[in-house]
């Protein structure tokens, strides 16, 4: 990098809203509340925190949500609970870390549509339909047969749109994701998925899915996971390749960041090997396990984007402003 590009990247990064759409709160995998200091040190504005999903009941999800709210609200000098776009701007202006809460999967709704609005009012701002395997709403990306959005699933996505909860289609099967996008009119996100054209796994987003997402005004968040990047080193250069691909297919205004950082990737790999139905890549004896890009890589990625010819406006969009645009349209 030239000194000029590096200096420009630092100045841009410091002034930008930097929004990582997903970080799973998962103490067994090293993702404990104290690790939020890594995002603060890296200059993030907002971090999306996964609290519950397909492995939880509604009661369990409510307890986790209640505990998270208490944790965040007890430290107003450090954290901002993100429920509106104004909260995002407030976090940036005050130099505090904004935390946006979400679910990975809809099993935690216990097939009760009324819980969607309840969870939204308690702070849940986006939700995945399914996590790898199928459920009563949709097919998962690693399911043997993705049967598509169920009749109940149509009601779920339409109720999410009505109350203002953003629809997230990462981990969802392709057919189910396409049918979900057909059933609503507001933007959706693939919060942490990469280009299937570069890394051929059903966990990634096909060009067809990307174009449908862009048609609704949505975006794809670039994941920092080795499994979805196709790079054990999780290099910024590889992330740039995925960004460049989507920029060519749908435009940079439909790209965001969703690193999905896991700090104890060794333990996560061990855990995944015990769940081959959910993580089929573990059946390959040569599978090397998960590794992840870290929060402080975002500044380096910013430098790569500028060097590659992305404009400052486009880079600001990718870092967070594209997501702000979507939330303005979807959240109520």
Protein backbone atom coordinates (compact mmCIF):
# COMPACT_ATOMS: atom_id res chain seq x y z
CA UNK A 1 0.00 0.00 0.00
CA UNK A 2 1.24 3.48 -0.71
CA UNK A 3 1.47 5.88 2.21
CA UNK A 4 -1.28 8.03 0.66
CA UNK A 5 -3.73 5.13 0.39
CA UNK A 6 -2.92 3.99 3.93
CA UNK A 7 -3.45 7.49 5.30
CA UNK A 8 -6.68 7.91 3.37
CA UNK A 9 -7.92 4.54 4.60
CA UNK A 10 -7.21 5.43 8.22
CA UNK A 11 -9.00 8.76 7.94
CA UNK A 12 -11.97 7.22 6.13
CA UNK A 13 -12.23 4.32 8.56
CA UNK A 14 -12.10 6.61 11.58
CA UNK A 15 -14.94 8.79 10.29
CA UNK A 16 -17.11 5.98 8.88
CA UNK A 17 -19.89 4.02 10.53
CA UNK A 18 -18.30 0.58 10.80
CA UNK A 19 -20.98 -2.09 11.19
CA UNK A 20 -20.23 -5.82 11.50
CA UNK A 21 -23.63 -7.46 11.14
CA UNK A 22 -22.93 -10.62 13.10
CA UNK A 23 -20.96 -11.81 16.09
CA UNK A 24 -22.38 -14.90 17.83
CA UNK A 25 -22.42 -14.59 21.61
CA UNK A 26 -21.24 -18.11 22.46
CA UNK A 27 -19.08 -18.48 25.60
CA UNK A 28 -17.99 -22.10 24.89
CA UNK A 29 -16.39 -20.87 21.65
CA UNK A 30 -14.61 -17.96 23.33
CA UNK A 31 -17.23 -15.39 22.35
CA UNK A 32 -17.87 -13.86 25.75
CA UNK A 33 -19.00 -10.31 26.54
CA UNK A 34 -15.47 -9.25 27.46
CA UNK A 35 -14.33 -9.93 23.87
CA UNK A 36 -16.34 -6.92 22.72
CA UNK A 37 -13.22 -4.99 23.68
CA UNK A 38 -11.63 -6.38 20.48
CA UNK A 39 -14.29 -4.64 18.39
CA UNK A 40 -13.92 -1.43 20.38
CA UNK A 41 -10.16 -1.48 19.92
CA UNK A 42 -10.63 -2.09 16.18
CA UNK A 43 -12.81 1.01 15.85
CA UNK A 44 -16.16 -0.62 15.19
CA UNK A 45 -19.31 1.46 15.56
CA UNK A 46 -21.90 -1.35 15.64
CA UNK A 47 -21.74 -5.10 16.23
CA UNK A 48 -24.69 -7.41 15.61
CA UNK A 49 -24.94 -9.93 18.46
CA UNK A 50 -26.52 -13.35 17.91
CA UNK A 51 -28.36 -14.45 21.05
CA UNK A 52 -30.47 -17.49 20.14
CA UNK A 53 -32.00 -19.38 17.24
CA UNK A 54 -32.87 -22.85 16.07
CA UNK A 55 -31.28 -24.54 19.09
CA UNK A 56 -33.48 -22.64 21.56
CA UNK A 57 -37.07 -22.53 22.73
CA UNK A 58 -38.96 -19.27 23.04
CA UNK A 59 -38.46 -19.31 26.79
CA UNK A 60 -34.71 -19.80 26.45
CA UNK A 61 -34.49 -17.05 23.84
CA UNK A 62 -36.41 -14.67 26.10
CA UNK A 63 -34.04 -15.32 29.02
CA UNK A 64 -30.97 -14.77 26.82
CA UNK A 65 -32.48 -11.58 25.40
CA UNK A 66 -33.37 -10.29 28.84
CA UNK A 67 -29.86 -10.95 30.14
CA UNK A 68 -28.30 -9.23 27.12
CA UNK A 69 -30.47 -6.15 27.48
CA UNK A 70 -29.58 -5.91 31.16
CA UNK A 71 -25.87 -6.25 30.36
CA UNK A 72 -25.98 -3.52 27.71
CA UNK A 73 -28.22 -1.08 29.57
CA UNK A 74 -26.14 -1.40 32.74
CA UNK A 75 -23.14 0.15 30.92
CA UNK A 76 -24.53 3.27 29.18
CA UNK A 77 -21.09 4.88 29.22
CA UNK A 78 -19.78 2.08 27.01
CA UNK A 79 -22.68 0.57 25.03
CA UNK A 80 -25.72 1.72 23.05
CA UNK A 81 -28.59 -0.72 22.49
CA UNK A 82 -29.42 -0.37 18.79
CA UNK A 83 -33.15 -0.23 18.10
CA UNK A 84 -33.32 2.64 15.60
CA UNK A 85 -31.04 4.22 13.02
CA UNK A 86 -30.84 7.25 15.32
CA UNK A 87 -29.25 4.94 17.90
CA UNK A 88 -26.60 4.04 15.32
CA UNK A 89 -25.79 7.70 14.74
CA UNK A 90 -25.79 8.33 18.48
CA UNK A 91 -23.29 5.54 19.04
CA UNK A 92 -21.00 6.96 16.36
CA UNK A 93 -21.23 10.52 17.67
CA UNK A 94 -20.51 9.47 21.26
CA UNK A 95 -17.72 7.01 20.51
CA UNK A 96 -19.56 4.13 22.17
CA UNK A 97 -20.09 0.62 20.80
CA UNK A 98 -23.60 -0.02 19.49
CA UNK A 99 -24.99 -3.53 19.92
CA UNK A 100 -27.79 -4.77 17.64
CA UNK A 101 -29.50 -8.00 18.73
CA UNK A 102 -30.74 -10.82 16.52
CA UNK A 103 -31.60 -14.52 16.22
CA UNK A 104 -30.15 -17.24 13.96
CA UNK A 105 -33.21 -19.33 13.20
CA UNK A 106 -36.94 -19.31 13.91
CA UNK A 107 -37.39 -22.41 16.07
CA UNK A 108 -37.21 -20.03 19.02
CA UNK A 109 -40.60 -18.65 17.96
CA UNK A 110 -42.26 -21.93 19.01
CA UNK A 111 -44.53 -21.56 15.94
CA UNK A 112 -46.17 -18.53 17.55
CA UNK A 113 -46.46 -15.63 15.07
CA UNK A 114 -47.29 -13.16 17.84
CA UNK A 115 -43.80 -13.60 19.27
CA UNK A 116 -42.29 -11.88 16.23
CA UNK A 117 -43.69 -8.51 17.26
CA UNK A 118 -42.94 -9.20 20.93
CA UNK A 119 -39.30 -9.99 20.24
CA UNK A 120 -39.07 -6.98 17.94
CA UNK A 121 -40.35 -4.68 20.68
CA UNK A 122 -37.74 -6.18 23.02
CA UNK A 123 -34.94 -5.31 20.61
CA UNK A 124 -34.51 -8.15 18.09
CA UNK A 125 -33.83 -6.41 14.79
CA UNK A 126 -33.12 -9.25 12.35
CA UNK A 127 -33.67 -12.99 12.22
CA UNK A 128 -32.51 -15.88 10.07
CA UNK A 129 -35.24 -18.24 8.89
CA UNK A 130 -33.26 -21.46 9.38
CA UNK A 131 -29.78 -22.47 10.47
CA UNK A 132 -28.23 -25.05 8.08
CA UNK A 133 -31.02 -27.60 8.59
CA UNK A 134 -34.68 -27.30 7.75
CA UNK A 135 -37.34 -26.31 10.27
CA UNK A 136 -41.07 -25.51 10.21
CA UNK A 137 -40.39 -22.26 8.30
CA UNK A 138 -37.77 -22.99 5.63
CA UNK A 139 -35.12 -25.35 4.32
CA UNK A 140 -31.52 -25.05 5.46
CA UNK A 141 -28.50 -24.64 3.20
CA UNK A 142 -27.06 -28.03 4.23
CA UNK A 143 -30.35 -29.92 4.17
CA UNK A 144 -30.44 -32.92 1.82
CA UNK A 145 -33.60 -31.57 0.22
CA UNK A 146 -34.57 -27.91 0.46
CA UNK A 147 -38.34 -28.10 0.18
CA UNK A 148 -38.72 -24.33 0.09
CA UNK A 149 -40.63 -21.90 2.25
CA UNK A 150 -43.48 -23.63 4.11
CA UNK A 151 -47.01 -22.26 4.34
CA UNK A 152 -46.19 -21.24 7.90
CA UNK A 153 -42.94 -19.76 6.62
CA UNK A 154 -44.83 -17.43 4.28
CA UNK A 155 -46.76 -16.12 7.28
CA UNK A 156 -43.51 -15.68 9.23
CA UNK A 157 -41.73 -13.58 6.60
CA UNK A 158 -44.81 -11.46 5.98
CA UNK A 159 -45.25 -10.84 9.69
CA UNK A 160 -41.58 -9.94 9.99
CA UNK A 161 -42.03 -7.41 7.21
CA UNK A 162 -45.15 -6.00 8.88
CA UNK A 163 -43.50 -5.41 12.27
CA UNK A 164 -40.19 -4.19 10.81
CA UNK A 165 -37.91 -7.12 11.60
CA UNK A 166 -35.23 -7.50 8.94
CA UNK A 167 -35.17 -10.85 7.14
CA UNK A 168 -31.76 -12.58 7.09
CA UNK A 169 -31.21 -15.42 4.60
CA UNK A 170 -27.72 -16.64 5.50
CA UNK A 171 -27.71 -20.39 6.37
CA UNK A 172 -31.02 -20.76 4.46
CA UNK A 173 -31.42 -23.08 1.47
CA UNK A 174 -31.39 -21.45 -1.97
CA UNK A 175 -34.93 -22.39 -2.93
CA UNK A 176 -36.25 -21.24 0.44
CA UNK A 177 -34.36 -17.96 0.20
CA UNK A 178 -35.71 -17.24 -3.29
CA UNK A 179 -39.27 -18.02 -2.22
CA UNK A 180 -38.87 -15.81 0.86
CA UNK A 181 -37.71 -12.93 -1.33
CA UNK A 182 -40.73 -13.53 -3.56
CA UNK A 183 -43.09 -13.26 -0.60
CA UNK A 184 -42.12 -9.76 0.59
CA UNK A 185 -41.29 -6.33 -0.82
CA UNK A 186 -38.75 -4.82 1.61
CA UNK A 187 -34.94 -5.32 1.55
CA UNK A 188 -33.40 -8.49 2.95
CA UNK A 189 -29.83 -9.40 3.88
CA UNK A 190 -27.51 -12.34 3.68
CA UNK A 191 -25.70 -11.11 6.79
CA UNK A 192 -22.63 -13.36 6.56
CA UNK A 193 -22.25 -15.19 3.26
CA UNK A 194 -19.76 -15.10 0.40
CA UNK A 195 -19.83 -15.72 -3.34
CA UNK A 196 -20.61 -19.29 -4.39
CA UNK A 197 -18.94 -18.53 -7.72
CA UNK A 198 -15.61 -18.28 -5.85
CA UNK A 199 -16.18 -20.83 -3.09
CA UNK A 200 -18.60 -23.54 -4.17
CA UNK A 201 -20.63 -24.38 -1.09
CA UNK A 202 -24.40 -24.16 -0.65
CA UNK A 203 -23.71 -22.02 2.42
CA UNK A 204 -22.62 -19.23 0.05
CA UNK A 205 -24.77 -17.01 -2.17
CA UNK A 206 -25.31 -17.78 -5.84
CA UNK A 207 -25.43 -14.97 -8.39
CA UNK A 208 -29.15 -15.63 -8.79
CA UNK A 209 -29.72 -15.12 -5.06
CA UNK A 210 -27.54 -12.00 -5.09
CA UNK A 211 -29.54 -10.48 -7.95
CA UNK A 212 -32.86 -11.18 -6.23
CA UNK A 213 -31.49 -9.65 -3.03
CA UNK A 214 -30.41 -6.55 -4.95
CA UNK A 215 -33.83 -6.35 -6.63
CA UNK A 216 -35.33 -5.81 -3.18
CA UNK A 217 -32.63 -3.30 -2.27
CA UNK A 218 -30.81 -5.65 0.10
CA UNK A 219 -27.19 -6.63 0.61
CA UNK A 220 -24.74 -9.48 1.19
CA UNK A 221 -22.45 -9.25 4.21
CA UNK A 222 -18.96 -10.60 3.51
CA UNK A 223 -18.00 -13.30 6.01
CA UNK A 224 -14.51 -13.69 7.43
CA UNK A 225 -14.88 -17.46 7.88
CA UNK A 226 -12.31 -19.65 6.13
CA UNK A 227 -15.03 -22.11 5.18
CA UNK A 228 -16.94 -19.52 3.15
CA UNK A 229 -13.90 -17.63 1.88
CA UNK A 230 -12.09 -20.74 0.66
CA UNK A 231 -8.93 -19.45 2.35
CA UNK A 232 -7.52 -20.92 5.60
CA UNK A 233 -5.60 -17.67 6.12
CA UNK A 234 -8.79 -15.56 5.89
CA UNK A 235 -6.76 -12.91 4.10
CA UNK A 236 -8.05 -9.46 3.27
CA UNK A 237 -7.08 -10.15 -0.36
CA UNK A 238 -9.52 -13.08 -0.48
CA UNK A 239 -12.28 -11.02 1.11
CA UNK A 240 -11.62 -8.38 -1.52
CA UNK A 241 -12.13 -10.98 -4.28
CA UNK A 242 -15.57 -11.84 -2.92
CA UNK A 243 -16.45 -8.16 -2.62
CA UNK A 244 -15.25 -7.50 -6.15
CA UNK A 245 -17.36 -10.38 -7.47
CA UNK A 246 -20.55 -9.07 -5.89
CA UNK A 247 -19.69 -5.52 -6.96
CA UNK A 248 -19.57 -6.75 -10.55
CA UNK A 249 -22.79 -8.78 -10.23
CA UNK A 250 -25.03 -6.40 -8.23
CA UNK A 251 -23.00 -3.27 -7.40
CA UNK A 252 -21.12 -2.13 -4.27
CA UNK A 253 -24.29 -0.61 -2.81
CA UNK A 254 -25.46 -4.18 -2.12
CA UNK A 255 -22.44 -5.25 -0.05
CA UNK A 256 -21.75 -5.08 3.68
CA UNK A 257 -19.66 -6.71 6.39
CA UNK A 258 -20.54 -9.76 8.50
CA UNK A 259 -17.28 -11.28 9.70
CA UNK A 260 -18.98 -13.75 12.10
CA UNK A 261 -15.87 -13.77 14.30
CA UNK A 262 -15.28 -16.80 16.53
CA UNK A 263 -12.33 -16.35 18.88
CA UNK A 264 -11.86 -20.02 19.89
CA UNK A 265 -11.98 -21.57 16.43
CA UNK A 266 -10.28 -24.75 17.65
CA UNK A 267 -13.10 -25.53 20.06
CA UNK A 268 -15.69 -24.57 17.44
CA UNK A 269 -14.10 -27.03 14.99
CA UNK A 270 -14.25 -29.76 17.65
CA UNK A 271 -17.90 -28.95 18.33
CA UNK A 272 -18.81 -28.96 14.62
CA UNK A 273 -17.17 -32.37 14.11
CA UNK A 274 -19.70 -33.75 16.58
CA UNK A 275 -22.61 -32.43 14.49
CA UNK A 276 -21.93 -33.73 10.94
CA UNK A 277 -25.61 -33.51 9.93
CA UNK A 278 -25.45 -29.77 10.54
CA UNK A 279 -21.87 -29.27 9.33
CA UNK A 280 -21.38 -31.84 6.51
CA UNK A 281 -17.90 -30.57 5.61
CA UNK A 282 -16.67 -32.24 8.82
CA UNK A 283 -17.21 -35.65 7.16
CA UNK A 284 -14.19 -34.93 4.96
CA UNK A 285 -11.12 -36.28 6.81
CA UNK A 286 -9.03 -33.59 5.09
CA UNK A 287 -11.22 -30.73 6.34
CA UNK A 288 -8.84 -28.35 8.14
CA UNK A 289 -11.39 -26.76 10.47
CA UNK A 290 -12.60 -23.21 10.91
CA UNK A 291 -10.46 -20.10 11.07
CA UNK A 292 -11.63 -16.48 11.06
CA UNK A 293 -10.64 -12.97 10.12
CA UNK A 294 -10.35 -10.79 13.21
CA UNK A 295 -12.02 -7.40 13.85
CA UNK A 296 -8.80 -5.44 13.35
CA UNK A 297 -8.58 -6.70 9.75
CA UNK A 298 -11.29 -4.31 8.65
CA UNK A 299 -8.87 -1.40 8.41
CA UNK A 300 -6.58 -3.44 6.17
CA UNK A 301 -9.59 -4.45 4.06
CA UNK A 302 -10.46 -0.76 3.73
CA UNK A 303 -6.98 -0.11 2.34
CA UNK A 304 -7.38 -2.95 -0.17
CA UNK A 305 -10.75 -1.59 -1.31
CA UNK A 306 -9.30 1.86 -1.97
CA UNK A 307 -6.27 0.43 -3.76
CA UNK A 308 -8.59 -1.71 -5.91
CA UNK A 309 -10.40 1.39 -7.13
CA UNK A 310 -13.50 1.53 -4.96
CA UNK A 311 -14.45 5.14 -4.26
CA UNK A 312 -14.55 6.54 -0.73
CA UNK A 313 -18.35 6.71 -0.96
CA UNK A 314 -18.54 3.05 -1.99
CA UNK A 315 -16.20 2.00 0.83
CA UNK A 316 -18.28 3.91 3.38
CA UNK A 317 -21.31 2.07 2.07
CA UNK A 318 -19.66 -1.33 2.43
CA UNK A 319 -18.42 -0.53 5.94
CA UNK A 320 -21.86 0.41 7.21
CA UNK A 321 -23.84 3.00 5.31
CA UNK A 322 -25.47 0.42 3.01
CA UNK A 323 -26.83 -1.32 6.08
CA UNK A 324 -28.07 1.98 7.50
CA UNK A 325 -30.00 2.57 4.27
CA UNK A 326 -31.70 -0.81 4.57
CA UNK A 327 -32.56 -0.40 8.24
CA UNK A 328 -34.12 3.01 7.54
CA UNK A 329 -36.44 1.29 5.09
CA UNK A 330 -37.26 -1.85 7.09
CA UNK A 331 -37.22 -1.00 10.81
CA UNK A 332 -40.32 0.67 12.26
